[in-house]
């Protein structure tokens, strides 16, 4: 889940070249919808998502039994 197009495409390319099937989402809401409909091995989560933050997505995933133990890699591109 990454909202910046260039970063999202780079991550997708790296993972696909490594042999992973990749689905991406631009918003936290879209990510949660996708996670509701499929089986995933892991999530790469940007903390700075629009409308529903990465923190909100993380909290929701941990509260749901189906995703409570899903590995999550957190990234952020915050500029200080």
PDB file of N, CA and C in Angstrom:
ATOM      1  N   UNK A   1       0.835  -1.156   0.000  1.00  0.00           N
ATOM      2  CA  UNK A   1       0.000   0.000   0.000  1.00  0.00           C
ATOM      3  C   UNK A   1       0.885   1.226   0.000  1.00  0.00           C
ATOM      4  N   UNK A   2       0.894   1.857  -1.094  1.00  0.00           N
ATOM      5  CA  UNK A   2       1.757   3.024  -1.257  1.00  0.00           C
ATOM      6  C   UNK A   2       1.037   3.990  -2.164  1.00  0.00           C
ATOM      7  N   UNK A   3       0.961   5.256  -1.760  1.00  0.00           N
ATOM      8  CA  UNK A   3       0.194   6.220  -2.529  1.00  0.00           C
ATOM      9  C   UNK A   3       1.007   6.960  -3.583  1.00  0.00           C
ATOM     10  N   UNK A   4       2.326   6.937  -3.535  1.00  0.00           N
ATOM     11  CA  UNK A   4       3.147   7.612  -4.528  1.00  0.00           C
ATOM     12  C   UNK A   4       3.440   6.649  -5.670  1.00  0.00           C
ATOM     13  N   UNK A   5       3.036   7.050  -6.882  1.00  0.00           N
ATOM     14  CA  UNK A   5       3.094   6.180  -8.045  1.00  0.00           C
ATOM     15  C   UNK A   5       4.496   5.646  -8.323  1.00  0.00           C
ATOM     16  N   UNK A   6       5.504   6.500  -8.322  1.00  0.00           N
ATOM     17  CA  UNK A   6       6.867   6.062  -8.622  1.00  0.00           C
ATOM     18  C   UNK A   6       7.392   5.049  -7.623  1.00  0.00           C
ATOM     19  N   UNK A   7       7.167   5.295  -6.359  1.00  0.00           N
ATOM     20  CA  UNK A   7       7.612   4.382  -5.308  1.00  0.00           C
ATOM     21  C   UNK A   7       6.852   3.060  -5.410  1.00  0.00           C
ATOM     22  N   UNK A   8       5.549   3.159  -5.626  1.00  0.00           N
ATOM     23  CA  UNK A   8       4.731   1.953  -5.741  1.00  0.00           C
ATOM     24  C   UNK A   8       5.197   1.087  -6.911  1.00  0.00           C
ATOM     25  N   UNK A   9       5.451   1.699  -8.048  1.00  0.00           N
ATOM     26  CA  UNK A   9       5.899   0.934  -9.223  1.00  0.00           C
ATOM     27  C   UNK A   9       7.270   0.307  -8.995  1.00  0.00           C
ATOM     28  N   UNK A  10       8.157   1.013  -8.327  1.00  0.00           N
ATOM     29  CA  UNK A  10       9.479   0.461  -8.030  1.00  0.00           C
ATOM     30  C   UNK A  10       9.361  -0.769  -7.132  1.00  0.00           C
ATOM     31  N   UNK A  11       8.576  -0.670  -6.081  1.00  0.00           N
ATOM     32  CA  UNK A  11       8.380  -1.806  -5.173  1.00  0.00           C
ATOM     33  C   UNK A  11       7.747  -2.979  -5.915  1.00  0.00           C
ATOM     34  N   UNK A  12       6.732  -2.701  -6.725  1.00  0.00           N
ATOM     35  CA  UNK A  12       6.077  -3.753  -7.505  1.00  0.00           C
ATOM     36  C   UNK A  12       7.081  -4.459  -8.417  1.00  0.00           C
ATOM     37  N   UNK A  13       7.895  -3.681  -9.120  1.00  0.00           N
ATOM     38  CA  UNK A  13       8.882  -4.247 -10.057  1.00  0.00           C
ATOM     39  C   UNK A  13       9.882  -5.134  -9.337  1.00  0.00           C
ATOM     40  N   UNK A  14      10.403  -4.665  -8.232  1.00  0.00           N
ATOM     41  CA  UNK A  14      11.381  -5.445  -7.466  1.00  0.00           C
ATOM     42  C   UNK A  14      10.773  -6.765  -7.005  1.00  0.00           C
ATOM     43  N   UNK A  15       9.572  -6.704  -6.453  1.00  0.00           N
ATOM     44  CA  UNK A  15       8.927  -7.919  -5.947  1.00  0.00           C
ATOM     45  C   UNK A  15       8.551  -8.877  -7.077  1.00  0.00           C
ATOM     46  N   UNK A  16       8.040  -8.345  -8.191  1.00  0.00           N
ATOM     47  CA  UNK A  16       7.672  -9.201  -9.313  1.00  0.00           C
ATOM     48  C   UNK A  16       8.893  -9.884  -9.912  1.00  0.00           C
ATOM     49  N   UNK A  17      10.001  -9.160 -10.031  1.00  0.00           N
ATOM     50  CA  UNK A  17      11.244  -9.759 -10.544  1.00  0.00           C
ATOM     51  C   UNK A  17      11.772 -10.840  -9.612  1.00  0.00           C
ATOM     52  N   UNK A  18      11.427 -10.729  -8.331  1.00  0.00           N
ATOM     53  CA  UNK A  18      11.839 -11.749  -7.356  1.00  0.00           C
ATOM     54  C   UNK A  18      10.866 -12.928  -7.344  1.00  0.00           C
ATOM     55  N   UNK A  19       9.829 -12.869  -8.183  1.00  0.00           N
ATOM     56  CA  UNK A  19       8.908 -13.988  -8.309  1.00  0.00           C
ATOM     57  C   UNK A  19       7.631 -13.901  -7.499  1.00  0.00           C
ATOM     58  N   UNK A  20       7.367 -12.757  -6.905  1.00  0.00           N
ATOM     59  CA  UNK A  20       6.162 -12.593  -6.097  1.00  0.00           C
ATOM     60  C   UNK A  20       4.998 -12.072  -6.943  1.00  0.00           C
ATOM     61  N   UNK A  21       3.798 -12.522  -6.641  1.00  0.00           N
ATOM     62  CA  UNK A  21       2.586 -11.926  -7.207  1.00  0.00           C
ATOM     63  C   UNK A  21       2.286 -10.696  -6.365  1.00  0.00           C
ATOM     64  N   UNK A  22       1.979  -9.588  -7.030  1.00  0.00           N
ATOM     65  CA  UNK A  22       1.829  -8.322  -6.324  1.00  0.00           C
ATOM     66  C   UNK A  22       0.472  -7.698  -6.640  1.00  0.00           C
ATOM     67  N   UNK A  23      -0.180  -7.205  -5.603  1.00  0.00           N
ATOM     68  CA  UNK A  23      -1.362  -6.355  -5.751  1.00  0.00           C
ATOM     69  C   UNK A  23      -1.073  -5.096  -4.967  1.00  0.00           C
ATOM     70  N   UNK A  24      -1.489  -3.967  -5.501  1.00  0.00           N
ATOM     71  CA  UNK A  24      -1.220  -2.730  -4.780  1.00  0.00           C
ATOM     72  C   UNK A  24      -2.507  -1.940  -4.573  1.00  0.00           C
ATOM     73  N   UNK A  25      -2.435  -1.034  -3.615  1.00  0.00           N
ATOM     74  CA  UNK A  25      -3.555  -0.159  -3.284  1.00  0.00           C
ATOM     75  C   UNK A  25      -2.997   1.237  -3.058  1.00  0.00           C
ATOM     76  N   UNK A  26      -3.799   2.229  -3.370  1.00  0.00           N
ATOM     77  CA  UNK A  26      -3.365   3.613  -3.226  1.00  0.00           C
ATOM     78  C   UNK A  26      -3.804   4.207  -1.890  1.00  0.00           C
ATOM     79  N   UNK A  27      -4.960   3.763  -1.398  1.00  0.00           N
ATOM     80  CA  UNK A  27      -5.476   4.299  -0.137  1.00  0.00           C
ATOM     81  C   UNK A  27      -5.620   3.171   0.890  1.00  0.00           C
ATOM     82  N   UNK A  28      -5.728   3.554   2.133  1.00  0.00           N
ATOM     83  CA  UNK A  28      -5.941   2.575   3.190  1.00  0.00           C
ATOM     84  C   UNK A  28      -7.265   1.847   3.035  1.00  0.00           C
ATOM     85  N   UNK A  29      -8.282   2.563   2.606  1.00  0.00           N
ATOM     86  CA  UNK A  29      -9.595   1.951   2.393  1.00  0.00           C
ATOM     87  C   UNK A  29      -9.505   0.887   1.301  1.00  0.00           C
ATOM     88  N   UNK A  30      -8.863   1.225   0.193  1.00  0.00           N
ATOM     89  CA  UNK A  30      -8.697   0.278  -0.908  1.00  0.00           C
ATOM     90  C   UNK A  30      -7.895  -0.941  -0.445  1.00  0.00           C
ATOM     91  N   UNK A  31      -6.874  -0.718   0.350  1.00  0.00           N
ATOM     92  CA  UNK A  31      -6.052  -1.816   0.849  1.00  0.00           C
ATOM     93  C   UNK A  31      -6.873  -2.781   1.699  1.00  0.00           C
ATOM     94  N   UNK A  32      -7.668  -2.238   2.607  1.00  0.00           N
ATOM     95  CA  UNK A  32      -8.486  -3.097   3.463  1.00  0.00           C
ATOM     96  C   UNK A  32      -9.512  -3.873   2.646  1.00  0.00           C
ATOM     97  N   UNK A  33     -10.075  -3.240   1.616  1.00  0.00           N
ATOM     98  CA  UNK A  33     -11.016  -3.944   0.742  1.00  0.00           C
ATOM     99  C   UNK A  33     -10.334  -5.111   0.038  1.00  0.00           C
ATOM    100  N   UNK A  34      -9.130  -4.891  -0.483  1.00  0.00           N
ATOM    101  CA  UNK A  34      -8.392  -5.962  -1.158  1.00  0.00           C
ATOM    102  C   UNK A  34      -8.036  -7.074  -0.185  1.00  0.00           C
ATOM    103  N   UNK A  35      -7.635  -6.705   1.007  1.00  0.00           N
ATOM    104  CA  UNK A  35      -7.258  -7.712   1.999  1.00  0.00           C
ATOM    105  C   UNK A  35      -8.461  -8.521   2.465  1.00  0.00           C
ATOM    106  N   UNK A  36      -9.647  -7.956   2.337  1.00  0.00           N
ATOM    107  CA  UNK A  36     -10.877  -8.688   2.673  1.00  0.00           C
ATOM    108  C   UNK A  36     -11.197  -9.769   1.650  1.00  0.00           C
ATOM    109  N   UNK A  37     -10.748  -9.581   0.412  1.00  0.00           N
ATOM    110  CA  UNK A  37     -11.165 -10.467  -0.670  1.00  0.00           C
ATOM    111  C   UNK A  37     -10.113 -11.484  -1.091  1.00  0.00           C
ATOM    112  N   UNK A  38      -8.924 -11.421  -0.534  1.00  0.00           N
ATOM    113  CA  UNK A  38      -7.880 -12.327  -0.993  1.00  0.00           C
ATOM    114  C   UNK A  38      -7.001 -12.843   0.116  1.00  0.00           C
ATOM    115  N   UNK A  39      -6.194 -13.813  -0.235  1.00  0.00           N
ATOM    116  CA  UNK A  39      -5.214 -14.358   0.696  1.00  0.00           C
ATOM    117  C   UNK A  39      -3.850 -13.777   0.350  1.00  0.00           C
ATOM    118  N   UNK A  40      -3.214 -13.207   1.326  1.00  0.00           N
ATOM    119  CA  UNK A  40      -1.924 -12.566   1.116  1.00  0.00           C
ATOM    120  C   UNK A  40      -0.908 -13.132   2.093  1.00  0.00           C
ATOM    121  N   UNK A  41       0.339 -13.178   1.647  1.00  0.00           N
ATOM    122  CA  UNK A  41       1.416 -13.683   2.494  1.00  0.00           C
ATOM    123  C   UNK A  41       2.057 -12.582   3.333  1.00  0.00           C
ATOM    124  N   UNK A  42       1.954 -11.344   2.862  1.00  0.00           N
ATOM    125  CA  UNK A  42       2.558 -10.221   3.573  1.00  0.00           C
ATOM    126  C   UNK A  42       2.004  -8.922   3.014  1.00  0.00           C
ATOM    127  N   UNK A  43       2.232  -7.843   3.752  1.00  0.00           N
ATOM    128  CA  UNK A  43       1.804  -6.504   3.341  1.00  0.00           C
ATOM    129  C   UNK A  43       2.986  -5.560   3.503  1.00  0.00           C
ATOM    130  N   UNK A  44       3.187  -4.708   2.515  1.00  0.00           N
ATOM    131  CA  UNK A  44       4.108  -3.585   2.648  1.00  0.00           C
ATOM    132  C   UNK A  44       3.212  -2.366   2.816  1.00  0.00           C
ATOM    133  N   UNK A  45       3.356  -1.686   3.925  1.00  0.00           N
ATOM    134  CA  UNK A  45       2.414  -0.638   4.318  1.00  0.00           C
ATOM    135  C   UNK A  45       3.113   0.695   4.509  1.00  0.00           C
ATOM    136  N   UNK A  46       2.670   1.690   3.759  1.00  0.00           N
ATOM    137  CA  UNK A  46       3.141   3.062   3.922  1.00  0.00           C
ATOM    138  C   UNK A  46       2.337   3.700   5.051  1.00  0.00           C
ATOM    139  N   UNK A  47       3.000   4.321   5.978  1.00  0.00           N
ATOM    140  CA  UNK A  47       2.290   4.948   7.090  1.00  0.00           C
ATOM    141  C   UNK A  47       1.572   6.228   6.676  1.00  0.00           C
ATOM    142  N   UNK A  48       2.003   6.845   5.597  1.00  0.00           N
ATOM    143  CA  UNK A  48       1.441   8.133   5.176  1.00  0.00           C
ATOM    144  C   UNK A  48       0.451   7.968   4.026  1.00  0.00           C
ATOM    145  N   UNK A  49      -0.582   7.169   4.236  1.00  0.00           N
ATOM    146  CA  UNK A  49      -1.616   6.986   3.228  1.00  0.00           C
ATOM    147  C   UNK A  49      -2.685   8.056   3.365  1.00  0.00           C
ATOM    148  N   UNK A  50      -3.331   8.419   2.234  1.00  0.00           N
ATOM    149  CA  UNK A  50      -4.408   9.410   2.333  1.00  0.00           C
ATOM    150  C   UNK A  50      -5.693   8.811   2.899  1.00  0.00           C
ATOM    151  N   UNK A  51      -6.468   9.623   3.569  1.00  0.00           N
ATOM    152  CA  UNK A  51      -7.802   9.345   4.114  1.00  0.00           C
ATOM    153  C   UNK A  51      -7.807   8.386   5.296  1.00  0.00           C
ATOM    154  N   UNK A  52      -7.167   7.266   5.188  1.00  0.00           N
ATOM    155  CA  UNK A  52      -7.072   6.307   6.287  1.00  0.00           C
ATOM    156  C   UNK A  52      -5.580   6.008   6.415  1.00  0.00           C
ATOM    157  N   UNK A  53      -4.959   6.413   7.503  1.00  0.00           N
ATOM    158  CA  UNK A  53      -3.508   6.318   7.611  1.00  0.00           C
ATOM    159  C   UNK A  53      -3.033   4.870   7.707  1.00  0.00           C
ATOM    160  N   UNK A  54      -1.750   4.690   7.484  1.00  0.00           N
ATOM    161  CA  UNK A  54      -1.156   3.369   7.645  1.00  0.00           C
ATOM    162  C   UNK A  54      -1.319   2.849   9.065  1.00  0.00           C
ATOM    163  N   UNK A  55      -1.289   3.745  10.042  1.00  0.00           N
ATOM    164  CA  UNK A  55      -1.512   3.336  11.429  1.00  0.00           C
ATOM    165  C   UNK A  55      -2.918   2.763  11.601  1.00  0.00           C
ATOM    166  N   UNK A  56      -3.894   3.408  10.962  1.00  0.00           N
ATOM    167  CA  UNK A  56      -5.273   2.914  11.025  1.00  0.00           C
ATOM    168  C   UNK A  56      -5.395   1.543  10.364  1.00  0.00           C
ATOM    169  N   UNK A  57      -4.756   1.388   9.212  1.00  0.00           N
ATOM    170  CA  UNK A  57      -4.782   0.098   8.512  1.00  0.00           C
ATOM    171  C   UNK A  57      -4.126  -0.970   9.375  1.00  0.00           C
ATOM    172  N   UNK A  58      -2.985  -0.650   9.953  1.00  0.00           N
ATOM    173  CA  UNK A  58      -2.278  -1.602  10.809  1.00  0.00           C
ATOM    174  C   UNK A  58      -3.150  -2.036  11.987  1.00  0.00           C
ATOM    175  N   UNK A  59      -3.774  -1.087  12.644  1.00  0.00           N
ATOM    176  CA  UNK A  59      -4.655  -1.406  13.777  1.00  0.00           C
ATOM    177  C   UNK A  59      -5.792  -2.319  13.339  1.00  0.00           C
ATOM    178  N   UNK A  60      -6.411  -1.998  12.212  1.00  0.00           N
ATOM    179  CA  UNK A  60      -7.523  -2.812  11.708  1.00  0.00           C
ATOM    180  C   UNK A  60      -7.060  -4.218  11.371  1.00  0.00           C
ATOM    181  N   UNK A  61      -5.908  -4.341  10.720  1.00  0.00           N
ATOM    182  CA  UNK A  61      -5.397  -5.668  10.360  1.00  0.00           C
ATOM    183  C   UNK A  61      -5.100  -6.505  11.601  1.00  0.00           C
ATOM    184  N   UNK A  62      -4.576  -5.890  12.632  1.00  0.00           N
ATOM    185  CA  UNK A  62      -4.252  -6.624  13.852  1.00  0.00           C
ATOM    186  C   UNK A  62      -5.511  -7.026  14.632  1.00  0.00           C
ATOM    187  N   UNK A  63      -6.591  -6.286  14.460  1.00  0.00           N
ATOM    188  CA  UNK A  63      -7.844  -6.600  15.154  1.00  0.00           C
ATOM    189  C   UNK A  63      -8.630  -7.715  14.475  1.00  0.00           C
ATOM    190  N   UNK A  64      -8.413  -7.928  13.205  1.00  0.00           N
ATOM    191  CA  UNK A  64      -9.145  -8.949  12.448  1.00  0.00           C
ATOM    192  C   UNK A  64      -8.472 -10.309  12.603  1.00  0.00           C
ATOM    193  N   UNK A  65      -9.212 -11.327  12.972  1.00  0.00           N
ATOM    194  CA  UNK A  65      -8.612 -12.663  13.131  1.00  0.00           C
ATOM    195  C   UNK A  65      -7.898 -13.163  11.871  1.00  0.00           C
ATOM    196  N   UNK A  66      -8.447 -12.890  10.706  1.00  0.00           N
ATOM    197  CA  UNK A  66      -7.863 -13.401   9.455  1.00  0.00           C
ATOM    198  C   UNK A  66      -6.525 -12.752   9.114  1.00  0.00           C
ATOM    199  N   UNK A  67      -6.262 -11.554   9.640  1.00  0.00           N
ATOM    200  CA  UNK A  67      -5.017 -10.851   9.314  1.00  0.00           C
ATOM    201  C   UNK A  67      -4.174 -10.509  10.541  1.00  0.00           C
ATOM    202  N   UNK A  68      -4.579 -10.996  11.701  1.00  0.00           N
ATOM    203  CA  UNK A  68      -3.892 -10.638  12.948  1.00  0.00           C
ATOM    204  C   UNK A  68      -2.416 -11.018  12.946  1.00  0.00           C
ATOM    205  N   UNK A  69      -2.072 -12.095  12.267  1.00  0.00           N
ATOM    206  CA  UNK A  69      -0.681 -12.555  12.256  1.00  0.00           C
ATOM    207  C   UNK A  69       0.005 -12.356  10.913  1.00  0.00           C
ATOM    208  N   UNK A  70      -0.606 -11.595  10.024  1.00  0.00           N
ATOM    209  CA  UNK A  70      -0.045 -11.335   8.714  1.00  0.00           C
ATOM    210  C   UNK A  70       1.222 -10.495   8.854  1.00  0.00           C
ATOM    211  N   UNK A  71       2.333 -10.929   8.246  1.00  0.00           N
ATOM    212  CA  UNK A  71       3.553 -10.114   8.316  1.00  0.00           C
ATOM    213  C   UNK A  71       3.343  -8.768   7.604  1.00  0.00           C
ATOM    214  N   UNK A  72       3.768  -7.695   8.257  1.00  0.00           N
ATOM    215  CA  UNK A  72       3.614  -6.357   7.696  1.00  0.00           C
ATOM    216  C   UNK A  72       4.959  -5.655   7.755  1.00  0.00           C
ATOM    217  N   UNK A  73       5.384  -5.166   6.591  1.00  0.00           N
ATOM    218  CA  UNK A  73       6.609  -4.365   6.474  1.00  0.00           C
ATOM    219  C   UNK A  73       6.162  -2.918   6.367  1.00  0.00           C
ATOM    220  N   UNK A  74       6.614  -2.087   7.277  1.00  0.00           N
ATOM    221  CA  UNK A  74       6.192  -0.682   7.297  1.00  0.00           C
ATOM    222  C   UNK A  74       7.259   0.180   6.635  1.00  0.00           C
ATOM    223  N   UNK A  75       6.798   1.044   5.731  1.00  0.00           N
ATOM    224  CA  UNK A  75       7.682   2.000   5.090  1.00  0.00           C
ATOM    225  C   UNK A  75       7.077   3.387   5.239  1.00  0.00           C
ATOM    226  N   UNK A  76       7.894   4.403   5.088  1.00  0.00           N
ATOM    227  CA  UNK A  76       7.387   5.766   5.037  1.00  0.00           C
ATOM    228  C   UNK A  76       8.381   6.623   4.301  1.00  0.00           C
ATOM    229  N   UNK A  77       7.869   7.598   3.617  1.00  0.00           N
ATOM    230  CA  UNK A  77       8.728   8.519   2.868  1.00  0.00           C
ATOM    231  C   UNK A  77       8.639   9.907   3.433  1.00  0.00           C
ATOM    232  N   UNK A  78       8.377  10.026   4.707  1.00  0.00           N
ATOM    233  CA  UNK A  78       8.234  11.329   5.339  1.00  0.00           C
ATOM    234  C   UNK A  78       9.499  12.148   5.171  1.00  0.00           C
ATOM    235  N   UNK A  79       9.289  13.403   4.886  1.00  0.00           N
ATOM    236  CA  UNK A  79      10.405  14.343   4.767  1.00  0.00           C
ATOM    237  C   UNK A  79      10.366  15.262   5.970  1.00  0.00           C
ATOM    238  N   UNK A  80      11.437  15.307   6.713  1.00  0.00           N
ATOM    239  CA  UNK A  80      11.469  16.107   7.921  1.00  0.00           C
ATOM    240  C   UNK A  80      11.590  17.525   7.651  1.00  0.00           C
TER     241      UNK A  80
END
